Amino acid sequence: MPATSITLPKTTVGSFTGEAFAAHLAAQKHLPGWWLDRKRAAYEKFAALPLPKRTDESWRFSDIGALTLDGFKPGGEPHGGPAATDRITEPRSENPGLAWLAFADNVLAGRSTPPPELTRRGVIVTTLAEALVSHPELLKAHFMAQPQKLGSEKFASLHTAFIGDGAFIYVPQGVELDAPITVIHAAFRAGAAVFPHTLVIAEENSKVTVVDDFLSATDSAHFACGANDLYAAHGSQVTYLAAQNWSRPSLSFQFNSTIVRRDARVQSLNLHLGGRQARHESLSQLQAPGAFSQMLALTVAEQKQEFDQRTLQIHQAPNTKSDLLYKNALRDQSRTIFSGLIVVDSDAQKTDAYQSNRNLMLSDDAEANSLPGLEIQANDVRCTHGATSSRIDPEQEFYLESRGIRPAVVQELLTFGFFAEVLAKVENEGVRDWLHGLIRAKLQP
């Protein structure tokens, strides 16, 4: 049955009907047939899968009742006029990086290219739409190549079905980049659905840092359904830093898939700030000896925000290492959920895996749920996991307030002290200062 003939109740697909998908497909008819076939298959899967249910273990503690797609419509054209678009098309002056791309409502709105000497060496910073024509084999191999395993298969299928464009970053063998590449994904129109995507391919013994900046240019509600694919070949180093700052009434999903090969190192740090309900799923697969994956996250939750974090660390080869540290600061009546699993295959002897979720409770009404877990099939491993939730030390609070510091500032200072361990792991000073500024802006009353 053609995907465009599928019709389901509005509560299941919202505005993403067969007719909407047919219109999207028609706008992409100039692209390769295999890409369109993949989209058709993804839409059929999206339409066939039900929304999550309260009884689904992978959605335990989540507010299922708030998951509705009604009222959101796929973007397709930048909205807001030149003045609005200018807000996102210039990179931060203090840290412009080697190159940047900016997308507004799924459409490329601005860009810069790498220096000519890097282009001559084979560095590529372009869009997915352009890469479909010039580098189709790389896209076939790496775009959404890993199946979702953490509960959001329906929404990942929606992402593949409706994605319009995204970032494609390729670093060839032996090339090391000494400054970041920045990708800005912005939502403008009220009710816009955006599908940001960043694909990073680092070939053997290369080095790259990529910054993803997710933002709403207005205070309207948006639906963000994004993904990023990170591939680190033998001996490469990939640093991925992302800040999610969608508008407060927005609904957000983000899917990460990381492949780490022999002696490669991947560091990913995700900062969660925006949205009324935001779910982030991160899958890291260590596929060859010497692979190392460092998974970091910081969350500032307030009012009635819900941040749902699901992680999976899969060790598939011996002598691999993963290190996960997620820290959440919760105010008001906010909620966080962390569910993480370390899986060690039977052949993955000498695995060293660590997983920690730490929650700083800044309100008696906030709620933090933590579900760390292990699934070990090898007998010579070192795996630890844990979770803690605690309030600010009252003695520290009293000490600062007794010296005339306002309570709100005290909370900010102590929260940054709590976050310092993670922020210190960001080597690039400009990016670290940017993340620090975003956190401070949310913490201030």
Protein backbone atom coordinates (compact mmCIF):
# COMPACT_ATOMS: atom_id res chain seq x y z
CA MET A 1 0.00 0.00 0.00
CA PRO A 2 1.47 3.42 -0.87
CA ALA A 3 2.32 5.49 2.17
CA THR A 4 0.28 8.40 0.93
CA SER A 5 -2.94 6.35 1.16
CA ILE A 6 -2.58 5.69 4.89
CA THR A 7 -5.10 7.52 7.03
CA LEU A 8 -5.24 7.32 10.81
CA PRO A 9 -7.08 9.23 13.52
CA LYS A 10 -5.85 12.76 14.08
CA THR A 11 -4.78 11.94 17.62
CA THR A 12 -2.30 9.42 16.19
CA VAL A 13 -0.68 11.43 13.41
CA GLY A 14 -1.71 15.01 14.21
CA SER A 15 -1.11 17.11 11.12
CA PHE A 16 1.26 14.51 9.64
CA THR A 17 -1.41 12.90 7.48
CA GLY A 18 -0.91 10.97 4.28
CA GLU A 19 -1.82 14.13 2.37
CA ALA A 20 0.83 16.14 4.24
CA PHE A 21 3.41 13.46 3.52
CA ALA A 22 2.46 13.38 -0.18
CA ALA A 23 2.99 17.14 -0.36
CA HIS A 24 6.38 16.80 1.34
CA LEU A 25 7.39 14.01 -1.03
CA ALA A 26 6.35 16.05 -4.04
CA ALA A 27 8.62 18.88 -2.90
CA GLN A 28 11.53 16.41 -2.78
CA LYS A 29 10.82 14.58 -6.04
CA HIS A 30 14.08 15.83 -7.56
CA LEU A 31 16.11 13.83 -5.01
CA PRO A 32 17.39 10.24 -5.57
CA GLY A 33 14.86 7.43 -5.69
CA TRP A 34 16.46 5.44 -2.87
CA TRP A 35 16.03 8.46 -0.57
CA LEU A 36 12.36 8.79 -1.46
CA ASP A 37 11.83 5.05 -0.99
CA ARG A 38 13.39 5.29 2.47
CA LYS A 39 11.01 8.11 3.29
CA ARG A 40 7.99 6.12 2.12
CA ALA A 41 8.98 3.14 4.26
CA ALA A 42 9.54 5.43 7.25
CA TYR A 43 6.13 7.05 6.89
CA GLU A 44 4.42 3.67 6.68
CA LYS A 45 6.19 2.65 9.89
CA PHE A 46 5.26 5.92 11.61
CA ALA A 47 1.62 5.58 10.63
CA ALA A 48 1.45 1.94 11.71
CA LEU A 49 3.08 2.34 15.12
CA PRO A 50 0.89 3.47 18.04
CA LEU A 51 1.74 6.31 20.35
CA PRO A 52 3.51 5.22 23.54
CA LYS A 53 1.36 3.76 26.31
CA ARG A 54 1.67 4.15 30.04
CA THR A 55 2.45 0.44 30.33
CA ASP A 56 5.52 0.66 28.05
CA GLU A 57 8.64 0.12 30.16
CA SER A 58 10.67 2.42 27.92
CA TRP A 59 8.25 5.24 28.79
CA ARG A 60 8.13 4.60 32.52
CA PHE A 61 7.51 7.82 34.51
CA SER A 62 6.91 9.86 31.31
CA ASP A 63 3.85 12.08 30.95
CA ILE A 64 2.25 10.11 28.13
CA GLY A 65 -0.90 12.19 28.17
CA ALA A 66 0.96 15.28 26.97
CA LEU A 67 2.32 13.57 23.84
CA THR A 68 0.10 14.94 21.12
CA LEU A 69 1.03 15.92 17.58
CA ASP A 70 -2.11 17.97 17.03
CA GLY A 71 -1.56 21.54 15.88
CA PHE A 72 1.96 21.11 14.51
CA LYS A 73 2.70 21.40 10.81
CA PRO A 74 5.87 20.59 8.88
CA GLY A 75 7.94 23.64 8.03
CA GLY A 76 9.29 24.21 4.57
CA GLU A 77 10.02 27.88 4.09
CA PRO A 78 11.84 30.28 6.41
CA HIS A 79 9.41 32.59 8.14
CA GLY A 80 9.76 35.93 9.82
CA GLY A 81 11.40 38.09 7.15
CA PRO A 82 15.02 39.18 6.80
CA ALA A 83 15.23 40.68 10.30
CA ALA A 84 14.17 37.43 11.91
CA THR A 85 16.45 35.29 9.77
CA ASP A 86 19.42 37.53 10.56
CA ARG A 87 19.07 36.48 14.21
CA ILE A 88 20.39 33.02 13.42
CA THR A 89 22.57 33.34 10.34
CA GLU A 90 25.60 34.92 12.01
CA PRO A 91 27.67 32.72 14.31
CA ARG A 92 28.68 33.92 17.74
CA SER A 93 31.37 36.55 17.24
CA GLU A 94 33.49 35.27 20.11
CA ASN A 95 33.68 31.76 18.65
CA PRO A 96 32.95 31.74 14.90
CA GLY A 97 34.70 28.41 14.29
CA LEU A 98 35.92 27.03 10.99
CA ALA A 99 32.53 26.99 9.27
CA TRP A 100 28.83 27.18 10.05
CA LEU A 101 25.41 26.28 8.70
CA ALA A 102 22.08 27.78 9.78
CA PHE A 103 18.63 26.29 9.16
CA ALA A 104 15.32 28.09 9.67
CA ASP A 105 12.15 25.98 9.67
CA ASN A 106 14.01 23.11 7.94
CA VAL A 107 15.48 25.31 5.19
CA LEU A 108 19.07 26.48 4.80
CA ALA A 109 19.18 30.16 5.78
CA GLY A 110 22.91 30.91 5.84
CA ARG A 111 26.34 29.33 5.73
CA SER A 112 30.08 29.80 5.60
CA THR A 113 32.61 27.40 4.12
CA PRO A 114 35.82 26.01 5.60
CA PRO A 115 39.11 27.71 4.69
CA PRO A 116 40.32 26.77 1.18
CA GLU A 117 43.27 24.74 2.46
CA LEU A 118 40.88 22.46 4.39
CA THR A 119 38.55 22.12 1.41
CA ARG A 120 41.53 21.08 -0.72
CA ARG A 121 42.32 18.40 1.87
CA GLY A 122 38.81 16.99 1.55
CA VAL A 123 36.92 18.55 4.49
CA ILE A 124 33.22 18.84 3.63
CA VAL A 125 30.70 21.05 5.45
CA THR A 126 27.49 21.04 3.46
CA THR A 127 23.79 20.20 3.61
CA LEU A 128 22.17 16.80 3.46
CA ALA A 129 20.32 17.88 0.32
CA GLU A 130 23.60 18.64 -1.43
CA ALA A 131 25.28 15.50 -0.06
CA LEU A 132 22.46 13.36 -1.49
CA VAL A 133 23.73 14.35 -4.93
CA SER A 134 27.48 14.57 -4.34
CA HIS A 135 28.05 11.92 -1.62
CA PRO A 136 25.11 9.47 -1.76
CA GLU A 137 27.10 6.41 -0.69
CA LEU A 138 28.16 8.06 2.57
CA LEU A 139 24.56 8.96 3.33
CA LYS A 140 23.37 5.44 2.56
CA ALA A 141 25.95 4.06 4.98
CA HIS A 142 25.52 6.47 7.89
CA PHE A 143 22.19 8.34 7.85
CA MET A 144 19.95 6.87 10.61
CA ALA A 145 21.84 3.61 10.09
CA GLN A 146 21.26 2.29 13.61
CA PRO A 147 17.72 1.23 14.57
CA GLN A 148 16.18 2.98 17.55
CA LYS A 149 16.28 0.84 20.67
CA LEU A 150 15.06 3.20 23.39
CA GLY A 151 11.31 3.58 22.79
CA SER A 152 10.81 6.35 20.23
CA GLU A 153 10.70 4.30 17.04
CA LYS A 154 7.51 6.07 15.96
CA PHE A 155 9.03 9.53 16.27
CA ALA A 156 12.35 8.47 14.68
CA SER A 157 10.34 7.20 11.71
CA LEU A 158 8.54 10.53 11.55
CA HIS A 159 11.93 12.26 11.46
CA THR A 160 13.11 10.17 8.50
CA ALA A 161 9.80 10.63 6.67
CA PHE A 162 9.65 14.42 6.95
CA ILE A 163 13.26 15.57 7.15
CA GLY A 164 13.88 18.28 4.60
CA ASP A 165 17.55 19.13 5.15
CA GLY A 166 20.33 19.06 7.69
CA ALA A 167 24.08 19.24 8.17
CA PHE A 168 26.63 16.90 6.57
CA ILE A 169 30.16 17.08 7.97
CA TYR A 170 32.98 14.91 6.67
CA VAL A 171 36.61 14.93 7.83
CA PRO A 172 38.97 12.76 5.77
CA GLN A 173 41.71 10.51 7.07
CA GLY A 174 44.49 12.22 9.02
CA VAL A 175 42.95 15.72 9.03
CA GLU A 176 42.67 17.45 12.42
CA LEU A 177 40.48 20.55 12.79
CA ASP A 178 41.53 22.96 15.54
CA ALA A 179 38.28 24.95 15.78
CA PRO A 180 34.60 23.97 15.93
CA ILE A 181 32.05 23.66 13.15
CA THR A 182 28.72 25.18 14.22
CA VAL A 183 25.24 24.17 13.08
CA ILE A 184 22.22 26.31 14.05
CA HIS A 185 18.72 24.83 13.87
CA ALA A 186 15.93 27.35 14.45
CA ALA A 187 12.13 27.23 14.53
CA PHE A 188 10.21 30.36 13.58
CA ARG A 189 6.57 29.85 12.63
CA ALA A 190 3.97 29.22 15.33
CA GLY A 191 3.21 25.52 15.36
CA ALA A 192 6.13 24.69 13.06
CA ALA A 193 7.47 21.15 13.10
CA VAL A 194 11.21 21.02 12.50
CA PHE A 195 13.40 17.98 11.86
CA PRO A 196 17.01 18.99 12.51
CA HIS A 197 19.73 16.52 11.61
CA THR A 198 23.51 16.57 11.90
CA LEU A 199 25.63 13.79 10.38
CA VAL A 200 29.32 13.70 11.33
CA ILE A 201 31.77 11.29 9.70
CA ALA A 202 35.34 11.30 11.01
CA GLU A 203 37.66 9.04 9.05
CA GLU A 204 40.74 7.31 10.49
CA ASN A 205 43.02 9.43 12.71
CA SER A 206 41.02 12.61 12.13
CA LYS A 207 39.76 15.12 14.68
CA VAL A 208 36.65 17.33 14.67
CA THR A 209 34.47 19.35 17.05
CA VAL A 210 30.84 20.03 16.12
CA VAL A 211 28.43 22.34 17.94
CA ASP A 212 24.66 21.97 17.48
CA ASP A 213 22.56 24.98 18.55
CA PHE A 214 18.80 24.27 18.77
CA LEU A 215 16.64 27.35 19.35
CA SER A 216 13.26 28.94 18.87
CA ALA A 217 13.28 32.41 17.36
CA THR A 218 9.85 33.14 18.88
CA ASP A 219 7.97 32.19 22.03
CA SER A 220 5.45 30.12 20.06
CA ALA A 221 5.00 26.38 20.49
CA HIS A 222 7.07 24.24 18.14
CA PHE A 223 7.56 20.52 17.59
CA ALA A 224 11.20 19.50 17.21
CA CYS A 225 12.02 15.96 16.12
CA GLY A 226 15.76 15.82 15.56
CA ALA A 227 18.62 13.36 15.25
CA ASN A 228 22.37 13.24 14.98
CA ASP A 229 24.65 10.46 13.73
CA LEU A 230 28.27 10.38 14.85
CA TYR A 231 30.75 8.00 13.23
CA ALA A 232 34.30 7.83 14.59
CA ALA A 233 36.59 5.62 12.51
CA HIS A 234 39.78 4.00 13.82
CA GLY A 235 41.92 6.40 15.84
CA SER A 236 39.68 9.43 15.30
CA GLN A 237 38.48 12.00 17.84
CA VAL A 238 34.97 13.46 17.72
CA THR A 239 33.68 16.09 20.12
CA TYR A 240 29.97 16.85 19.87
CA LEU A 241 28.38 19.63 21.93
CA ALA A 242 24.68 20.52 21.74
CA ALA A 243 22.44 23.05 23.44
CA GLN A 244 18.66 22.52 23.31
CA ASN A 245 16.89 25.82 23.96
CA TRP A 246 13.51 25.49 22.24
CA SER A 247 10.68 27.77 23.39
CA ARG A 248 9.00 26.90 26.67
CA PRO A 249 5.71 25.53 25.17
CA SER A 250 7.54 23.30 22.64
CA LEU A 251 7.63 19.51 22.44
CA SER A 252 11.04 18.03 21.66
CA PHE A 253 12.53 14.68 20.68
CA GLN A 254 16.21 14.17 19.93
CA PHE A 255 17.90 10.90 18.93
CA ASN A 256 21.64 10.33 19.05
CA SER A 257 23.51 7.41 17.53
CA THR A 258 27.26 7.09 18.04
CA ILE A 259 29.57 4.49 16.50
CA VAL A 260 33.08 4.26 17.94
CA ARG A 261 35.72 2.16 16.19
CA ARG A 262 39.19 0.97 17.23
CA ASP A 263 41.15 3.41 19.46
CA ALA A 264 38.66 6.17 18.60
CA ARG A 265 37.36 8.65 21.16
CA VAL A 266 33.97 10.38 21.18
CA GLN A 267 32.89 13.01 23.69
CA SER A 268 29.28 14.18 23.56
CA LEU A 269 27.75 16.80 25.85
CA ASN A 270 24.09 17.79 25.67
CA LEU A 271 22.68 20.82 27.50
CA HIS A 272 18.91 20.66 28.07
CA LEU A 273 17.08 23.92 28.77
CA GLY A 274 13.95 24.44 26.66
CA GLY A 275 10.57 22.89 25.98
CA ARG A 276 7.61 21.89 28.10
CA GLN A 277 8.46 18.24 27.50
CA ALA A 278 11.75 17.10 26.02
CA ARG A 279 12.97 13.56 25.48
CA HIS A 280 16.57 12.74 24.56
CA GLU A 281 17.70 9.26 23.58
CA SER A 282 21.40 8.44 23.23
CA LEU A 283 22.83 5.20 21.88
CA SER A 284 26.58 4.61 21.94
CA GLN A 285 28.11 1.50 20.37
CA LEU A 286 31.75 0.61 20.98
CA GLN A 287 32.58 -1.74 18.16
CA ALA A 288 36.35 -2.34 18.30
CA PRO A 289 39.13 -2.62 20.91
CA GLY A 290 40.32 0.65 22.40
CA ALA A 291 37.08 2.51 21.66
CA PHE A 292 36.07 5.15 24.23
CA SER A 293 32.76 7.01 24.56
CA GLN A 294 32.21 9.82 27.05
CA MET A 295 28.54 10.77 27.44
CA LEU A 296 27.79 13.98 29.34
CA ALA A 297 24.63 15.99 29.96
CA LEU A 298 23.46 18.99 31.97
CA THR A 299 19.82 19.90 32.56
CA VAL A 300 18.18 22.94 34.15
CA ALA A 301 14.51 22.16 34.79
CA GLU A 302 11.99 24.64 36.20
CA GLN A 303 8.27 25.33 36.50
CA LYS A 304 6.51 22.22 35.12
CA GLN A 305 9.09 21.17 32.55
CA GLU A 306 9.77 17.47 31.99
CA PHE A 307 13.13 16.21 30.72
CA ASP A 308 13.25 12.53 29.81
CA GLN A 309 16.71 11.02 29.19
CA ARG A 310 17.23 7.46 27.96
CA THR A 311 20.70 6.05 27.30
CA LEU A 312 22.24 2.81 26.08
CA GLN A 313 25.96 1.98 26.19
CA ILE A 314 26.70 -1.16 24.17
CA HIS A 315 30.15 -2.74 24.42
CA GLN A 316 30.62 -5.07 21.48
CA ALA A 317 34.40 -5.65 21.59
CA PRO A 318 37.07 -6.26 24.26
CA ASN A 319 39.06 -3.48 25.94
CA THR A 320 36.49 -0.76 25.41
CA LYS A 321 35.50 2.02 27.79
CA SER A 322 32.43 4.22 28.29
CA ASP A 323 31.87 6.94 30.87
CA LEU A 324 28.44 8.54 31.39
CA LEU A 325 27.73 11.46 33.71
CA TYR A 326 24.32 13.19 33.61
CA LYS A 327 23.60 16.04 36.02
CA ASN A 328 20.18 17.64 36.53
CA ALA A 329 19.25 20.74 38.53
CA LEU A 330 15.51 20.88 39.31
CA ARG A 331 13.44 23.84 40.48
CA ASP A 332 9.74 24.48 41.13
CA GLN A 333 7.55 21.50 40.06
CA SER A 334 9.80 20.21 37.32
CA ARG A 335 10.48 16.53 36.61
CA THR A 336 13.41 14.59 35.19
CA ILE A 337 13.65 10.96 34.18
CA PHE A 338 16.91 9.13 33.61
CA SER A 339 16.92 5.54 32.40
CA GLY A 340 20.30 4.17 31.40
CA LEU A 341 21.55 0.70 30.52
CA ILE A 342 25.06 -0.65 30.06
CA VAL A 343 25.16 -3.78 27.87
CA VAL A 344 28.34 -5.86 27.66
CA ASP A 345 28.38 -8.54 24.97
CA SER A 346 29.91 -11.94 25.68
CA ASP A 347 33.02 -11.15 23.60
CA ALA A 348 33.59 -7.77 25.25
CA GLN A 349 36.06 -8.85 27.94
CA LYS A 350 38.05 -6.16 29.79
CA THR A 351 35.18 -3.70 29.40
CA ASP A 352 35.36 -0.63 31.65
CA ALA A 353 31.96 1.08 31.88
CA TYR A 354 30.66 3.76 34.23
CA GLN A 355 27.25 5.39 34.53
CA SER A 356 26.15 8.08 36.98
CA ASN A 357 23.05 10.26 37.24
CA ARG A 358 23.14 13.04 39.84
CA ASN A 359 20.24 15.30 40.69
CA LEU A 360 20.33 18.60 42.57
CA MET A 361 16.91 19.26 44.09
CA LEU A 362 16.29 23.00 44.40
CA SER A 363 12.63 22.60 45.37
CA ASP A 364 10.62 20.28 47.58
CA ASP A 365 8.07 19.96 44.77
CA ALA A 366 10.53 18.79 42.08
CA GLU A 367 10.75 15.12 41.11
CA ALA A 368 13.77 13.16 39.85
CA ASN A 369 13.44 9.55 38.67
CA SER A 370 16.57 7.47 38.05
CA LEU A 371 16.76 3.96 36.59
CA PRO A 372 20.39 2.92 35.99
CA GLY A 373 20.99 -0.66 34.90
CA LEU A 374 23.53 -3.29 33.82
CA GLU A 375 23.30 -6.26 31.45
CA ILE A 376 26.61 -8.10 31.48
CA GLN A 377 27.36 -11.26 29.49
CA ALA A 378 31.16 -11.27 29.93
CA ASN A 379 33.00 -12.36 33.07
CA ASP A 380 36.07 -10.08 33.11
CA VAL A 381 34.71 -6.55 33.27
CA ARG A 382 34.55 -3.49 35.51
CA CYS A 383 31.11 -1.89 35.41
CA THR A 384 29.60 0.52 37.92
CA HIS A 385 26.42 2.54 37.94
CA GLY A 386 24.54 4.72 40.39
CA ALA A 387 22.21 7.63 40.98
CA THR A 388 21.96 10.29 43.68
CA SER A 389 19.46 13.03 44.52
CA SER A 390 20.20 15.68 47.13
CA ARG A 391 19.44 19.24 48.13
CA ILE A 392 21.89 22.12 48.40
CA ASP A 393 24.02 21.85 51.52
CA PRO A 394 22.24 24.12 54.06
CA GLU A 395 25.55 25.13 55.61
CA GLN A 396 26.84 26.35 52.26
CA GLU A 397 23.55 28.16 51.66
CA PHE A 398 23.68 29.83 55.09
CA TYR A 399 27.32 30.81 54.66
CA LEU A 400 26.67 32.64 51.40
CA GLU A 401 23.42 34.29 52.50
CA SER A 402 25.03 35.48 55.74
CA ARG A 403 27.43 37.49 53.58
CA GLY A 404 24.63 39.37 51.90
CA ILE A 405 24.18 37.24 48.78
CA ARG A 406 20.56 36.99 47.68
CA PRO A 407 19.00 33.47 47.81
CA ALA A 408 18.49 33.35 44.02
CA VAL A 409 22.17 34.16 43.45
CA VAL A 410 23.14 31.56 46.03
CA GLN A 411 21.22 28.92 44.08
CA GLU A 412 22.94 30.01 40.87
CA LEU A 413 26.41 29.86 42.39
CA LEU A 414 25.87 26.47 43.97
CA THR A 415 24.28 25.09 40.80
CA PHE A 416 27.33 26.13 38.80
CA GLY A 417 29.45 24.43 41.43
CA PHE A 418 27.39 21.28 40.88
CA PHE A 419 27.80 21.58 37.08
CA ALA A 420 31.51 22.47 37.17
CA GLU A 421 32.69 18.87 36.89
CA VAL A 422 30.99 18.50 33.51
CA LEU A 423 31.73 21.97 32.12
CA ALA A 424 35.42 21.50 32.92
CA LYS A 425 35.52 18.64 30.42
CA VAL A 426 34.80 21.06 27.53
CA GLU A 427 38.24 21.88 26.14
CA ASN A 428 37.23 24.72 23.82
CA GLU A 429 37.06 27.86 25.93
CA GLY A 430 34.69 29.74 23.61
CA VAL A 431 32.17 26.87 23.57
CA ARG A 432 32.47 26.44 27.33
CA ASP A 433 31.75 30.16 27.88
CA TRP A 434 28.74 29.92 25.54
CA LEU A 435 27.27 26.98 27.47
CA HIS A 436 27.95 28.82 30.73
CA GLY A 437 26.04 31.85 29.44
CA LEU A 438 23.02 29.80 28.39
CA ILE A 439 22.82 28.17 31.81
CA ARG A 440 23.18 31.50 33.60
CA ALA A 441 20.42 33.06 31.48
CA LYS A 442 17.98 30.35 32.58
CA LEU A 443 19.01 30.37 36.24
CA GLN A 444 18.54 34.11 36.63
CA PRO A 445 15.06 35.18 37.81
